[in-house]
Amino acid sequence: QVQLVESGGGLVQAGGSLRLSCAASGLTFSNYVMGWFRQAPGKEREFVSVISWSAYYADSVKGRFTISRDNAKNTVALQMNSLKPEDTAVYYCAATSKGSSWYVGDYDYWGQGTQVTVSS
């Protein structure tokens, strides 16, 4: 079955960096668009970034986060720099066959999430 497993979350001070990674199995990785979403306590899950042949970012992370993928290793990463307390959330990796999308409902598969906490 399809599995998406995130890693790399943790506690970091404001201004610091973290690199999240997502390892995919059970699907033809190169056929899927990969996205990162996040969900803070009491808030809805929101789009962060997506990558197919091009990358797109939410305005809130543009210039600070960089998404990348390695189709040979079936992985997608999210490099997060200049982190802010408002970046604190559980970060989810997701896969969609529907093309680059900002919409949670378009994604077919989800990971279990990894916690990112940014202290002020």
N, C-alpha and C. Protein backbone atom coordinates (compact mmCIF):
# COMPACT_ATOMS: atom_id res chain seq x y z
N GLN A 1 0.83 -1.18 0.00
CA GLN A 1 0.00 0.00 0.00
C GLN A 1 0.88 1.24 0.00
N VAL A 2 0.26 2.37 -0.29
CA VAL A 2 1.00 3.62 -0.36
C VAL A 2 1.35 4.10 1.06
N GLN A 3 2.60 4.48 1.22
CA GLN A 3 3.04 5.06 2.49
C GLN A 3 3.85 6.32 2.22
N LEU A 4 3.54 7.36 2.98
CA LEU A 4 4.32 8.59 2.99
C LEU A 4 4.78 8.80 4.43
N VAL A 5 6.08 8.87 4.62
CA VAL A 5 6.63 8.97 5.97
C VAL A 5 7.49 10.23 6.08
N GLU A 6 7.02 11.16 6.90
CA GLU A 6 7.76 12.40 7.12
C GLU A 6 8.78 12.24 8.25
N SER A 7 9.83 13.04 8.16
CA SER A 7 10.83 13.11 9.22
C SER A 7 11.46 14.48 9.21
N GLY A 8 12.17 14.81 10.29
CA GLY A 8 12.93 16.05 10.33
C GLY A 8 12.33 17.16 11.16
N GLY A 9 11.16 16.93 11.71
CA GLY A 9 10.57 17.97 12.55
C GLY A 9 11.32 18.10 13.87
N GLY A 10 10.96 19.14 14.62
CA GLY A 10 11.60 19.33 15.92
C GLY A 10 11.34 20.72 16.46
N LEU A 11 12.11 21.06 17.48
CA LEU A 11 12.01 22.36 18.13
C LEU A 11 13.20 23.22 17.70
N VAL A 12 12.90 24.44 17.27
CA VAL A 12 13.95 25.34 16.81
C VAL A 12 13.61 26.76 17.25
N GLN A 13 14.63 27.57 17.44
CA GLN A 13 14.39 28.97 17.80
C GLN A 13 14.02 29.78 16.56
N ALA A 14 13.32 30.85 16.78
CA ALA A 14 12.98 31.75 15.68
C ALA A 14 14.25 32.18 14.94
N GLY A 15 14.17 32.19 13.62
CA GLY A 15 15.33 32.50 12.79
C GLY A 15 16.13 31.29 12.38
N GLY A 16 15.84 30.17 12.98
CA GLY A 16 16.57 28.95 12.68
C GLY A 16 16.02 28.23 11.45
N SER A 17 16.57 27.05 11.21
CA SER A 17 16.23 26.26 10.02
C SER A 17 15.93 24.82 10.39
N LEU A 18 15.10 24.21 9.58
CA LEU A 18 14.83 22.77 9.65
C LEU A 18 14.65 22.26 8.23
N ARG A 19 14.96 21.00 8.06
CA ARG A 19 14.74 20.35 6.76
C ARG A 19 13.83 19.15 6.98
N LEU A 20 12.66 19.18 6.40
CA LEU A 20 11.73 18.06 6.45
C LEU A 20 11.95 17.16 5.24
N SER A 21 11.75 15.88 5.46
CA SER A 21 11.87 14.93 4.37
C SER A 21 10.66 14.00 4.38
N CYS A 22 10.27 13.54 3.22
CA CYS A 22 9.15 12.62 3.09
C CYS A 22 9.58 11.50 2.15
N ALA A 23 9.51 10.27 2.65
CA ALA A 23 9.85 9.10 1.85
C ALA A 23 8.56 8.41 1.42
N ALA A 24 8.44 8.18 0.13
CA ALA A 24 7.23 7.58 -0.43
C ALA A 24 7.50 6.15 -0.89
N SER A 25 6.50 5.30 -0.72
CA SER A 25 6.58 3.93 -1.22
C SER A 25 5.19 3.47 -1.63
N GLY A 26 5.17 2.47 -2.51
CA GLY A 26 3.90 1.90 -2.92
C GLY A 26 3.19 2.65 -4.04
N LEU A 27 3.87 3.62 -4.63
CA LEU A 27 3.30 4.36 -5.76
C LEU A 27 4.40 4.68 -6.76
N THR A 28 4.00 4.98 -7.98
CA THR A 28 4.96 5.41 -8.99
C THR A 28 5.21 6.88 -8.76
N PHE A 29 6.25 7.15 -8.00
CA PHE A 29 6.48 8.48 -7.43
C PHE A 29 6.52 9.57 -8.49
N SER A 30 7.17 9.29 -9.60
CA SER A 30 7.34 10.33 -10.63
C SER A 30 6.02 10.73 -11.27
N ASN A 31 4.99 9.91 -11.10
CA ASN A 31 3.68 10.23 -11.67
C ASN A 31 2.83 11.14 -10.78
N TYR A 32 3.33 11.42 -9.59
CA TYR A 32 2.55 12.19 -8.62
C TYR A 32 3.17 13.55 -8.37
N VAL A 33 2.28 14.51 -8.19
CA VAL A 33 2.66 15.81 -7.70
C VAL A 33 2.70 15.72 -6.18
N MET A 34 3.74 16.30 -5.58
CA MET A 34 3.93 16.19 -4.14
C MET A 34 3.76 17.55 -3.48
N GLY A 35 3.06 17.53 -2.37
CA GLY A 35 2.81 18.78 -1.66
C GLY A 35 3.14 18.69 -0.19
N TRP A 36 3.33 19.84 0.40
CA TRP A 36 3.46 19.98 1.86
C TRP A 36 2.33 20.87 2.36
N PHE A 37 1.72 20.44 3.43
CA PHE A 37 0.68 21.19 4.10
C PHE A 37 1.03 21.28 5.58
N ARG A 38 0.35 22.15 6.29
CA ARG A 38 0.57 22.23 7.73
C ARG A 38 -0.74 22.54 8.43
N GLN A 39 -0.77 22.15 9.69
CA GLN A 39 -1.97 22.38 10.50
C GLN A 39 -1.56 22.78 11.90
N ALA A 40 -1.92 23.99 12.27
CA ALA A 40 -1.67 24.48 13.62
C ALA A 40 -2.87 24.15 14.51
N PRO A 41 -2.67 24.10 15.82
CA PRO A 41 -3.77 23.78 16.73
C PRO A 41 -4.96 24.72 16.55
N GLY A 42 -6.14 24.14 16.39
CA GLY A 42 -7.35 24.93 16.24
C GLY A 42 -7.56 25.55 14.88
N LYS A 43 -6.68 25.22 13.93
CA LYS A 43 -6.80 25.80 12.59
C LYS A 43 -6.96 24.71 11.55
N GLU A 44 -7.42 25.11 10.38
CA GLU A 44 -7.57 24.16 9.29
C GLU A 44 -6.20 23.86 8.66
N ARG A 45 -6.13 22.71 8.03
CA ARG A 45 -4.91 22.36 7.31
C ARG A 45 -4.75 23.33 6.13
N GLU A 46 -3.52 23.82 5.95
CA GLU A 46 -3.29 24.81 4.91
C GLU A 46 -2.13 24.42 4.01
N PHE A 47 -2.22 24.89 2.79
CA PHE A 47 -1.18 24.65 1.78
C PHE A 47 0.11 25.37 2.15
N VAL A 48 1.23 24.69 1.92
CA VAL A 48 2.55 25.30 2.11
C VAL A 48 3.30 25.37 0.78
N SER A 49 3.41 24.21 0.11
CA SER A 49 4.19 24.19 -1.13
C SER A 49 3.83 22.95 -1.92
N VAL A 50 4.08 23.01 -3.23
CA VAL A 50 3.81 21.88 -4.10
C VAL A 50 4.85 21.86 -5.20
N ILE A 51 5.20 20.64 -5.65
CA ILE A 51 6.19 20.51 -6.71
C ILE A 51 5.79 19.43 -7.69
N SER A 52 5.84 19.79 -8.95
CA SER A 52 5.73 18.81 -10.03
C SER A 52 7.01 19.02 -10.86
N TRP A 53 6.88 19.68 -12.01
CA TRP A 53 8.06 20.15 -12.74
C TRP A 53 8.44 21.55 -12.27
N SER A 54 7.48 22.24 -11.66
CA SER A 54 7.69 23.56 -11.09
C SER A 54 7.28 23.53 -9.63
N ALA A 55 7.72 24.54 -8.91
CA ALA A 55 7.39 24.63 -7.49
C ALA A 55 6.55 25.88 -7.23
N TYR A 56 5.63 25.74 -6.31
CA TYR A 56 4.77 26.86 -5.92
C TYR A 56 4.74 26.92 -4.40
N TYR A 57 4.54 28.13 -3.89
CA TYR A 57 4.59 28.34 -2.45
C TYR A 57 3.44 29.23 -1.99
N ALA A 58 3.01 28.99 -0.77
CA ALA A 58 2.10 29.93 -0.12
C ALA A 58 2.84 31.23 0.11
N ASP A 59 2.12 32.33 0.05
CA ASP A 59 2.74 33.64 0.23
C ASP A 59 3.46 33.73 1.58
N SER A 60 2.92 33.06 2.58
CA SER A 60 3.47 33.15 3.93
C SER A 60 4.85 32.52 4.06
N VAL A 61 5.24 31.67 3.12
CA VAL A 61 6.54 30.99 3.22
C VAL A 61 7.46 31.32 2.04
N LYS A 62 6.94 32.04 1.07
CA LYS A 62 7.72 32.35 -0.13
C LYS A 62 9.00 33.09 0.25
N GLY A 63 10.12 32.65 -0.29
CA GLY A 63 11.40 33.26 0.01
C GLY A 63 12.10 32.67 1.21
N ARG A 64 11.38 31.87 1.99
CA ARG A 64 11.98 31.25 3.19
C ARG A 64 12.05 29.74 3.07
N PHE A 65 11.07 29.14 2.41
CA PHE A 65 11.01 27.69 2.26
C PHE A 65 11.36 27.30 0.83
N THR A 66 11.98 26.13 0.68
CA THR A 66 12.30 25.59 -0.64
C THR A 66 11.92 24.12 -0.68
N ILE A 67 11.11 23.78 -1.67
CA ILE A 67 10.71 22.38 -1.86
C ILE A 67 11.58 21.76 -2.95
N SER A 68 11.87 20.47 -2.80
CA SER A 68 12.64 19.76 -3.82
C SER A 68 12.19 18.30 -3.81
N ARG A 69 12.46 17.62 -4.91
CA ARG A 69 12.12 16.20 -4.98
C ARG A 69 13.23 15.45 -5.68
N ASP A 70 13.35 14.18 -5.32
CA ASP A 70 14.33 13.29 -5.93
C ASP A 70 13.56 12.06 -6.40
N ASN A 71 13.27 12.01 -7.69
CA ASN A 71 12.46 10.90 -8.22
C ASN A 71 13.21 9.57 -8.16
N ALA A 72 14.51 9.61 -8.14
CA ALA A 72 15.29 8.37 -8.06
C ALA A 72 15.20 7.75 -6.66
N LYS A 73 15.03 8.60 -5.66
CA LYS A 73 14.96 8.13 -4.27
C LYS A 73 13.55 8.14 -3.71
N ASN A 74 12.58 8.59 -4.51
CA ASN A 74 11.19 8.67 -4.06
C ASN A 74 11.04 9.53 -2.81
N THR A 75 11.70 10.67 -2.82
CA THR A 75 11.63 11.57 -1.67
C THR A 75 11.31 12.99 -2.10
N VAL A 76 10.69 13.70 -1.17
CA VAL A 76 10.45 15.13 -1.34
C VAL A 76 10.88 15.80 -0.04
N ALA A 77 11.50 16.95 -0.17
CA ALA A 77 12.02 17.65 1.00
C ALA A 77 11.48 19.08 1.05
N LEU A 78 11.50 19.62 2.26
CA LEU A 78 11.11 21.02 2.46
C LEU A 78 12.17 21.65 3.35
N GLN A 79 12.99 22.51 2.76
CA GLN A 79 13.98 23.26 3.51
C GLN A 79 13.32 24.52 4.03
N MET A 80 13.34 24.68 5.34
CA MET A 80 12.66 25.81 5.98
C MET A 80 13.70 26.68 6.67
N ASN A 81 13.85 27.90 6.20
CA ASN A 81 14.80 28.86 6.78
C ASN A 81 14.05 30.04 7.38
N SER A 82 14.76 30.79 8.19
CA SER A 82 14.18 31.99 8.81
C SER A 82 12.83 31.68 9.45
N LEU A 83 12.80 30.62 10.21
CA LEU A 83 11.54 30.17 10.80
C LEU A 83 10.99 31.18 11.80
N LYS A 84 9.67 31.24 11.83
CA LYS A 84 8.95 32.16 12.71
C LYS A 84 8.04 31.36 13.64
N PRO A 85 7.68 31.91 14.78
CA PRO A 85 6.76 31.19 15.68
C PRO A 85 5.45 30.80 14.98
N GLU A 86 5.01 31.61 14.04
CA GLU A 86 3.76 31.29 13.34
C GLU A 86 3.90 30.13 12.36
N ASP A 87 5.11 29.63 12.17
CA ASP A 87 5.32 28.42 11.36
C ASP A 87 5.07 27.16 12.18
N THR A 88 4.85 27.30 13.48
CA THR A 88 4.60 26.14 14.34
C THR A 88 3.34 25.42 13.91
N ALA A 89 3.49 24.12 13.63
CA ALA A 89 2.37 23.31 13.14
C ALA A 89 2.84 21.88 12.97
N VAL A 90 1.89 21.01 12.71
CA VAL A 90 2.21 19.68 12.21
C VAL A 90 2.28 19.78 10.69
N TYR A 91 3.38 19.32 10.13
CA TYR A 91 3.60 19.39 8.69
C TYR A 91 3.34 18.03 8.05
N TYR A 92 2.57 18.05 6.99
CA TYR A 92 2.17 16.83 6.29
C TYR A 92 2.68 16.82 4.86
N CYS A 93 3.14 15.68 4.44
CA CYS A 93 3.48 15.41 3.06
C CYS A 93 2.25 14.77 2.40
N ALA A 94 2.01 15.08 1.13
CA ALA A 94 0.85 14.53 0.45
C ALA A 94 1.15 14.34 -1.03
N ALA A 95 0.41 13.42 -1.64
CA ALA A 95 0.60 13.11 -3.06
C ALA A 95 -0.73 13.20 -3.79
N THR A 96 -0.67 13.78 -4.98
CA THR A 96 -1.87 13.91 -5.80
C THR A 96 -1.57 13.54 -7.25
N SER A 97 -2.57 12.95 -7.89
CA SER A 97 -2.48 12.63 -9.32
C SER A 97 -3.21 13.69 -10.14
N LYS A 98 -3.69 14.75 -9.48
CA LYS A 98 -4.57 15.73 -10.12
C LYS A 98 -3.86 17.00 -10.55
N GLY A 99 -2.50 16.98 -10.52
CA GLY A 99 -1.78 18.17 -10.91
C GLY A 99 -1.54 19.08 -9.72
N SER A 100 -0.75 20.12 -9.95
CA SER A 100 -0.39 21.03 -8.86
C SER A 100 -1.66 21.66 -8.27
N SER A 101 -1.81 21.51 -6.98
CA SER A 101 -3.04 21.98 -6.35
C SER A 101 -2.76 22.53 -4.96
N TRP A 102 -3.52 23.55 -4.62
CA TRP A 102 -3.46 24.13 -3.28
C TRP A 102 -4.54 23.52 -2.38
N TYR A 103 -5.42 22.70 -2.96
CA TYR A 103 -6.61 22.23 -2.30
C TYR A 103 -6.39 20.88 -1.62
N VAL A 104 -6.65 20.85 -0.31
CA VAL A 104 -6.45 19.64 0.47
C VAL A 104 -7.20 18.45 -0.14
N GLY A 105 -8.41 18.69 -0.62
CA GLY A 105 -9.25 17.61 -1.12
C GLY A 105 -8.76 16.97 -2.41
N ASP A 106 -7.79 17.60 -3.06
CA ASP A 106 -7.26 17.03 -4.32
C ASP A 106 -6.20 15.96 -4.08
N TYR A 107 -5.76 15.83 -2.84
CA TYR A 107 -4.66 14.93 -2.55
C TYR A 107 -5.14 13.53 -2.19
N ASP A 108 -4.48 12.54 -2.79
CA ASP A 108 -4.90 11.16 -2.66
C ASP A 108 -4.31 10.47 -1.43
N TYR A 109 -3.10 10.83 -1.09
CA TYR A 109 -2.39 10.15 -0.01
C TYR A 109 -1.72 11.16 0.90
N TRP A 110 -1.68 10.81 2.21
CA TRP A 110 -1.12 11.69 3.22
C TRP A 110 -0.19 10.93 4.15
N GLY A 111 0.83 11.61 4.62
CA GLY A 111 1.66 11.06 5.67
C GLY A 111 1.03 11.31 7.03
N GLN A 112 1.73 10.85 8.07
CA GLN A 112 1.19 10.96 9.43
C GLN A 112 1.51 12.31 10.06
N GLY A 113 2.41 13.06 9.46
CA GLY A 113 2.75 14.38 9.95
C GLY A 113 3.97 14.38 10.85
N THR A 114 4.64 15.53 10.88
CA THR A 114 5.78 15.72 11.78
C THR A 114 5.65 17.11 12.41
N GLN A 115 5.89 17.18 13.71
CA GLN A 115 5.69 18.42 14.45
C GLN A 115 6.88 19.35 14.28
N VAL A 116 6.58 20.60 13.96
CA VAL A 116 7.58 21.67 13.93
C VAL A 116 7.15 22.72 14.94
N THR A 117 8.04 23.02 15.87
CA THR A 117 7.76 24.02 16.89
C THR A 117 8.86 25.08 16.84
N VAL A 118 8.45 26.33 16.67
CA VAL A 118 9.40 27.44 16.60
C VAL A 118 9.18 28.32 17.82
N SER A 119 10.20 28.42 18.64
CA SER A 119 10.09 29.23 19.87
C SER A 119 10.58 30.66 19.60
N SER A 120 9.97 31.58 20.31
CA SER A 120 10.31 33.01 20.12
C SER A 120 11.44 33.44 21.04
